[in-house]
Amino acid sequence: MGRAAGATERPGLPLTVLTIKLLLRGMRPAPEDEAGGTRERAIERAAAELGGAAADAASRTD
């Protein structure tokens, strides 16, 4: 079997670099909000507050 067209001397190098980049990205700590929770929890809290404010405004107009 011959080598593939365009093959380099180190065919595994780009895959190794990609793997290292993905591992480093996975090791990055989750972003924290001011209350110490994760970003997703901050979004959930904001959505709940907006929902409560909308319900409060709707009850005042009745």
PDB file of N, CA and C in Angstrom:
ATOM      1  N   MET A   1       0.837  -1.181   0.000  1.00  0.00           N
ATOM      2  CA  MET A   1       0.000   0.000   0.000  1.00  0.00           C
ATOM      3  C   MET A   1       0.874   1.233   0.000  1.00  0.00           C
ATOM      4  N   GLY A   2       0.525   2.175  -0.836  1.00  0.00           N
ATOM      5  CA  GLY A   2       1.282   3.411  -0.902  1.00  0.00           C
ATOM      6  C   GLY A   2       0.706   4.462   0.024  1.00  0.00           C
ATOM      7  N   ARG A   3       1.411   5.554   0.127  1.00  0.00           N
ATOM      8  CA  ARG A   3       0.941   6.656   0.967  1.00  0.00           C
ATOM      9  C   ARG A   3      -0.148   7.423   0.242  1.00  0.00           C
ATOM     10  N   ALA A   4      -1.034   8.002   0.978  1.00  0.00           N
ATOM     11  CA  ALA A   4      -2.117   8.794   0.399  1.00  0.00           C
ATOM     12  C   ALA A   4      -1.541  10.056  -0.229  1.00  0.00           C
ATOM     13  N   ALA A   5      -2.196  10.528  -1.244  1.00  0.00           N
ATOM     14  CA  ALA A   5      -1.748  11.752  -1.918  1.00  0.00           C
ATOM     15  C   ALA A   5      -1.816  12.924  -0.940  1.00  0.00           C
ATOM     16  N   GLY A   6      -0.765  13.685  -0.868  1.00  0.00           N
ATOM     17  CA  GLY A   6      -0.710  14.854   0.000  1.00  0.00           C
ATOM     18  C   GLY A   6      -0.378  14.538   1.450  1.00  0.00           C
ATOM     19  N   ALA A   7      -0.031  13.310   1.749  1.00  0.00           N
ATOM     20  CA  ALA A   7       0.315  12.947   3.125  1.00  0.00           C
ATOM     21  C   ALA A   7       1.635  13.599   3.519  1.00  0.00           C
ATOM     22  N   THR A   8       1.717  13.968   4.777  1.00  0.00           N
ATOM     23  CA  THR A   8       2.943  14.602   5.275  1.00  0.00           C
ATOM     24  C   THR A   8       3.751  13.578   6.057  1.00  0.00           C
ATOM     25  N   GLU A   9       4.909  13.988   6.513  1.00  0.00           N
ATOM     26  CA  GLU A   9       5.742  13.099   7.309  1.00  0.00           C
ATOM     27  C   GLU A   9       5.104  12.795   8.662  1.00  0.00           C
ATOM     28  N   ARG A  10       4.331  13.763   9.191  1.00  0.00           N
ATOM     29  CA  ARG A  10       3.681  13.578  10.490  1.00  0.00           C
ATOM     30  C   ARG A  10       2.168  13.708  10.313  1.00  0.00           C
ATOM     31  N   PRO A  11       1.500  12.695   9.808  1.00  0.00           N
ATOM     32  CA  PRO A  11       0.070  12.819   9.535  1.00  0.00           C
ATOM     33  C   PRO A  11      -0.798  12.969  10.781  1.00  0.00           C
ATOM     34  N   GLY A  12      -0.319  12.571  11.944  1.00  0.00           N
ATOM     35  CA  GLY A  12      -1.114  12.663  13.160  1.00  0.00           C
ATOM     36  C   GLY A  12      -1.001  13.994  13.874  1.00  0.00           C
ATOM     37  N   LEU A  13      -0.129  14.871  13.434  1.00  0.00           N
ATOM     38  CA  LEU A  13       0.097  16.131  14.145  1.00  0.00           C
ATOM     39  C   LEU A  13      -1.153  17.012  14.198  1.00  0.00           C
ATOM     40  N   PRO A  14      -1.848  17.283  13.107  1.00  0.00           N
ATOM     41  CA  PRO A  14      -3.034  18.141  13.218  1.00  0.00           C
ATOM     42  C   PRO A  14      -4.087  17.566  14.162  1.00  0.00           C
ATOM     43  N   LEU A  15      -4.260  16.255  14.152  1.00  0.00           N
ATOM     44  CA  LEU A  15      -5.218  15.633  15.050  1.00  0.00           C
ATOM     45  C   LEU A  15      -4.779  15.797  16.503  1.00  0.00           C
ATOM     46  N   THR A  16      -3.487  15.689  16.764  1.00  0.00           N
ATOM     47  CA  THR A  16      -2.966  15.852  18.119  1.00  0.00           C
ATOM     48  C   THR A  16      -3.194  17.282  18.607  1.00  0.00           C
ATOM     49  N   VAL A  17      -2.945  18.262  17.754  1.00  0.00           N
ATOM     50  CA  VAL A  17      -3.147  19.665  18.125  1.00  0.00           C
ATOM     51  C   VAL A  17      -4.617  19.915  18.417  1.00  0.00           C
ATOM     52  N   LEU A  18      -5.498  19.381  17.572  1.00  0.00           N
ATOM     53  CA  LEU A  18      -6.928  19.545  17.786  1.00  0.00           C
ATOM     54  C   LEU A  18      -7.360  18.902  19.101  1.00  0.00           C
ATOM     55  N   THR A  19      -6.860  17.732  19.386  1.00  0.00           N
ATOM     56  CA  THR A  19      -7.197  17.036  20.624  1.00  0.00           C
ATOM     57  C   THR A  19      -6.758  17.840  21.838  1.00  0.00           C
ATOM     58  N   ILE A  20      -5.560  18.393  21.799  1.00  0.00           N
ATOM     59  CA  ILE A  20      -5.058  19.202  22.920  1.00  0.00           C
ATOM     60  C   ILE A  20      -5.923  20.439  23.098  1.00  0.00           C
ATOM     61  N   LYS A  21      -6.302  21.094  22.009  1.00  0.00           N
ATOM     62  CA  LYS A  21      -7.146  22.286  22.104  1.00  0.00           C
ATOM     63  C   LYS A  21      -8.495  21.946  22.722  1.00  0.00           C
ATOM     64  N   LEU A  22      -9.083  20.824  22.305  1.00  0.00           N
ATOM     65  CA  LEU A  22     -10.372  20.423  22.862  1.00  0.00           C
ATOM     66  C   LEU A  22     -10.256  20.076  24.341  1.00  0.00           C
ATOM     67  N   LEU A  23      -9.181  19.416  24.736  1.00  0.00           N
ATOM     68  CA  LEU A  23      -8.974  19.093  26.143  1.00  0.00           C
ATOM     69  C   LEU A  23      -8.816  20.358  26.980  1.00  0.00           C
ATOM     70  N   LEU A  24      -8.057  21.316  26.472  1.00  0.00           N
ATOM     71  CA  LEU A  24      -7.873  22.565  27.206  1.00  0.00           C
ATOM     72  C   LEU A  24      -9.184  23.323  27.330  1.00  0.00           C
ATOM     73  N   ARG A  25      -9.993  23.304  26.284  1.00  0.00           N
ATOM     74  CA  ARG A  25     -11.286  23.978  26.332  1.00  0.00           C
ATOM     75  C   ARG A  25     -12.184  23.310  27.373  1.00  0.00           C
ATOM     76  N   GLY A  26     -12.126  21.982  27.458  1.00  0.00           N
ATOM     77  CA  GLY A  26     -12.934  21.263  28.424  1.00  0.00           C
ATOM     78  C   GLY A  26     -12.484  21.478  29.857  1.00  0.00           C
ATOM     79  N   MET A  27     -11.222  21.814  30.056  1.00  0.00           N
ATOM     80  CA  MET A  27     -10.684  22.018  31.402  1.00  0.00           C
ATOM     81  C   MET A  27     -10.918  23.439  31.909  1.00  0.00           C
ATOM     82  N   ARG A  28     -11.383  24.323  31.048  1.00  0.00           N
ATOM     83  CA  ARG A  28     -11.631  25.700  31.440  1.00  0.00           C
ATOM     84  C   ARG A  28     -12.763  25.746  32.467  1.00  0.00           C
ATOM     85  N   PRO A  29     -12.633  26.519  33.538  1.00  0.00           N
ATOM     86  CA  PRO A  29     -13.703  26.575  34.535  1.00  0.00           C
ATOM     87  C   PRO A  29     -14.951  27.252  33.966  1.00  0.00           C
ATOM     88  N   ALA A  30     -16.094  26.873  34.493  1.00  0.00           N
ATOM     89  CA  ALA A  30     -17.356  27.467  34.050  1.00  0.00           C
ATOM     90  C   ALA A  30     -17.405  28.931  34.481  1.00  0.00           C
ATOM     91  N   PRO A  31     -17.972  29.788  33.648  1.00  0.00           N
ATOM     92  CA  PRO A  31     -18.093  31.195  34.038  1.00  0.00           C
ATOM     93  C   PRO A  31     -19.024  31.328  35.243  1.00  0.00           C
ATOM     94  N   GLU A  32     -18.655  32.159  36.172  1.00  0.00           N
ATOM     95  CA  GLU A  32     -19.442  32.341  37.393  1.00  0.00           C
ATOM     96  C   GLU A  32     -20.122  33.701  37.379  1.00  0.00           C
ATOM     97  N   ASP A  33     -21.310  33.760  37.914  1.00  0.00           N
ATOM     98  CA  ASP A  33     -21.968  35.059  38.029  1.00  0.00           C
ATOM     99  C   ASP A  33     -21.690  35.648  39.407  1.00  0.00           C
ATOM    100  N   GLU A  34     -22.242  36.807  39.700  1.00  0.00           N
ATOM    101  CA  GLU A  34     -21.917  37.490  40.948  1.00  0.00           C
ATOM    102  C   GLU A  34     -22.396  36.742  42.184  1.00  0.00           C
ATOM    103  N   ALA A  35     -23.400  35.891  42.063  1.00  0.00           N
ATOM    104  CA  ALA A  35     -23.912  35.145  43.218  1.00  0.00           C
ATOM    105  C   ALA A  35     -23.159  33.834  43.430  1.00  0.00           C
ATOM    106  N   GLY A  36     -22.226  33.519  42.567  1.00  0.00           N
ATOM    107  CA  GLY A  36     -21.437  32.312  42.730  1.00  0.00           C
ATOM    108  C   GLY A  36     -21.976  31.110  41.981  1.00  0.00           C
ATOM    109  N   GLY A  37     -23.066  31.256  41.247  1.00  0.00           N
ATOM    110  CA  GLY A  37     -23.626  30.150  40.481  1.00  0.00           C
ATOM    111  C   GLY A  37     -23.090  30.151  39.059  1.00  0.00           C
ATOM    112  N   THR A  38     -23.513  29.188  38.291  1.00  0.00           N
ATOM    113  CA  THR A  38     -23.062  29.127  36.912  1.00  0.00           C
ATOM    114  C   THR A  38     -23.860  30.099  36.054  1.00  0.00           C
ATOM    115  N   ARG A  39     -23.382  30.327  34.870  1.00  0.00           N
ATOM    116  CA  ARG A  39     -24.042  31.249  33.945  1.00  0.00           C
ATOM    117  C   ARG A  39     -25.453  30.765  33.616  1.00  0.00           C
ATOM    118  N   GLU A  40     -25.609  29.454  33.457  1.00  0.00           N
ATOM    119  CA  GLU A  40     -26.928  28.913  33.139  1.00  0.00           C
ATOM    120  C   GLU A  40     -27.926  29.184  34.266  1.00  0.00           C
ATOM    121  N   ARG A  41     -27.462  29.067  35.509  1.00  0.00           N
ATOM    122  CA  ARG A  41     -28.351  29.345  36.648  1.00  0.00           C
ATOM    123  C   ARG A  41     -28.722  30.818  36.682  1.00  0.00           C
ATOM    124  N   ALA A  42     -27.786  31.695  36.327  1.00  0.00           N
ATOM    125  CA  ALA A  42     -28.081  33.125  36.299  1.00  0.00           C
ATOM    126  C   ALA A  42     -29.147  33.425  35.252  1.00  0.00           C
ATOM    127  N   ILE A  43     -29.060  32.750  34.110  1.00  0.00           N
ATOM    128  CA  ILE A  43     -30.065  32.936  33.058  1.00  0.00           C
ATOM    129  C   ILE A  43     -31.426  32.440  33.537  1.00  0.00           C
ATOM    130  N   GLU A  44     -31.432  31.291  34.212  1.00  0.00           N
ATOM    131  CA  GLU A  44     -32.694  30.752  34.733  1.00  0.00           C
ATOM    132  C   GLU A  44     -33.311  31.695  35.763  1.00  0.00           C
ATOM    133  N   ARG A  45     -32.474  32.265  36.645  1.00  0.00           N
ATOM    134  CA  ARG A  45     -32.994  33.201  37.650  1.00  0.00           C
ATOM    135  C   ARG A  45     -33.559  34.450  36.981  1.00  0.00           C
ATOM    136  N   ALA A  46     -32.856  34.966  35.979  1.00  0.00           N
ATOM    137  CA  ALA A  46     -33.334  36.160  35.277  1.00  0.00           C
ATOM    138  C   ALA A  46     -34.666  35.878  34.581  1.00  0.00           C
ATOM    139  N   ALA A  47     -34.788  34.710  33.967  1.00  0.00           N
ATOM    140  CA  ALA A  47     -36.040  34.350  33.298  1.00  0.00           C
ATOM    141  C   ALA A  47     -37.176  34.239  34.308  1.00  0.00           C
ATOM    142  N   ALA A  48     -36.889  33.673  35.477  1.00  0.00           N
ATOM    143  CA  ALA A  48     -37.920  33.554  36.512  1.00  0.00           C
ATOM    144  C   ALA A  48     -38.339  34.936  37.020  1.00  0.00           C
ATOM    145  N   GLU A  49     -37.379  35.832  37.190  1.00  0.00           N
ATOM    146  CA  GLU A  49     -37.695  37.185  37.643  1.00  0.00           C
ATOM    147  C   GLU A  49     -38.528  37.924  36.606  1.00  0.00           C
ATOM    148  N   LEU A  50     -38.182  37.768  35.339  1.00  0.00           N
ATOM    149  CA  LEU A  50     -38.959  38.411  34.281  1.00  0.00           C
ATOM    150  C   LEU A  50     -40.369  37.841  34.223  1.00  0.00           C
ATOM    151  N   GLY A  51     -40.484  36.536  34.392  1.00  0.00           N
ATOM    152  CA  GLY A  51     -41.802  35.909  34.406  1.00  0.00           C
ATOM    153  C   GLY A  51     -42.647  36.422  35.557  1.00  0.00           C
ATOM    154  N   GLY A  52     -42.026  36.586  36.722  1.00  0.00           N
ATOM    155  CA  GLY A  52     -42.734  37.117  37.888  1.00  0.00           C
ATOM    156  C   GLY A  52     -43.147  38.566  37.676  1.00  0.00           C
ATOM    157  N   ALA A  53     -42.273  39.353  37.070  1.00  0.00           N
ATOM    158  CA  ALA A  53     -42.589  40.755  36.798  1.00  0.00           C
ATOM    159  C   ALA A  53     -43.728  40.859  35.787  1.00  0.00           C
ATOM    160  N   ALA A  54     -43.728  39.987  34.790  1.00  0.00           N
ATOM    161  CA  ALA A  54     -44.794  40.003  33.786  1.00  0.00           C
ATOM    162  C   ALA A  54     -46.125  39.612  34.426  1.00  0.00           C
ATOM    163  N   ALA A  55     -46.118  38.607  35.301  1.00  0.00           N
ATOM    164  CA  ALA A  55     -47.343  38.190  35.978  1.00  0.00           C
ATOM    165  C   ALA A  55     -47.847  39.293  36.894  1.00  0.00           C
ATOM    166  N   ASP A  56     -46.919  39.987  37.570  1.00  0.00           N
ATOM    167  CA  ASP A  56     -47.295  41.083  38.463  1.00  0.00           C
ATOM    168  C   ASP A  56     -47.931  42.227  37.669  1.00  0.00           C
ATOM    169  N   ALA A  57     -47.334  42.562  36.539  1.00  0.00           N
ATOM    170  CA  ALA A  57     -47.868  43.635  35.692  1.00  0.00           C
ATOM    171  C   ALA A  57     -49.238  43.252  35.146  1.00  0.00           C
ATOM    172  N   ALA A  58     -49.416  42.001  34.782  1.00  0.00           N
ATOM    173  CA  ALA A  58     -50.705  41.550  34.252  1.00  0.00           C
ATOM    174  C   ALA A  58     -51.787  41.611  35.327  1.00  0.00           C
ATOM    175  N   SER A  59     -51.420  41.296  36.563  1.00  0.00           N
ATOM    176  CA  SER A  59     -52.416  41.320  37.638  1.00  0.00           C
ATOM    177  C   SER A  59     -52.824  42.746  37.989  1.00  0.00           C
ATOM    178  N   ARG A  60     -51.943  43.694  37.776  1.00  0.00           N
ATOM    179  CA  ARG A  60     -52.265  45.097  38.076  1.00  0.00           C
ATOM    180  C   ARG A  60     -53.215  45.691  37.051  1.00  0.00           C
ATOM    181  N   THR A  61     -53.196  45.181  35.835  1.00  0.00           N
ATOM    182  CA  THR A  61     -54.057  45.736  34.791  1.00  0.00           C
ATOM    183  C   THR A  61     -55.462  45.159  34.842  1.00  0.00           C
ATOM    184  N   ASP A  62     -55.667  44.090  35.626  1.00  0.00           N
ATOM    185  CA  ASP A  62     -57.010  43.473  35.715  1.00  0.00           C
ATOM    186  C   ASP A  62     -57.928  44.273  36.589  1.00  0.00           C
TER     187      ASP A  62
END
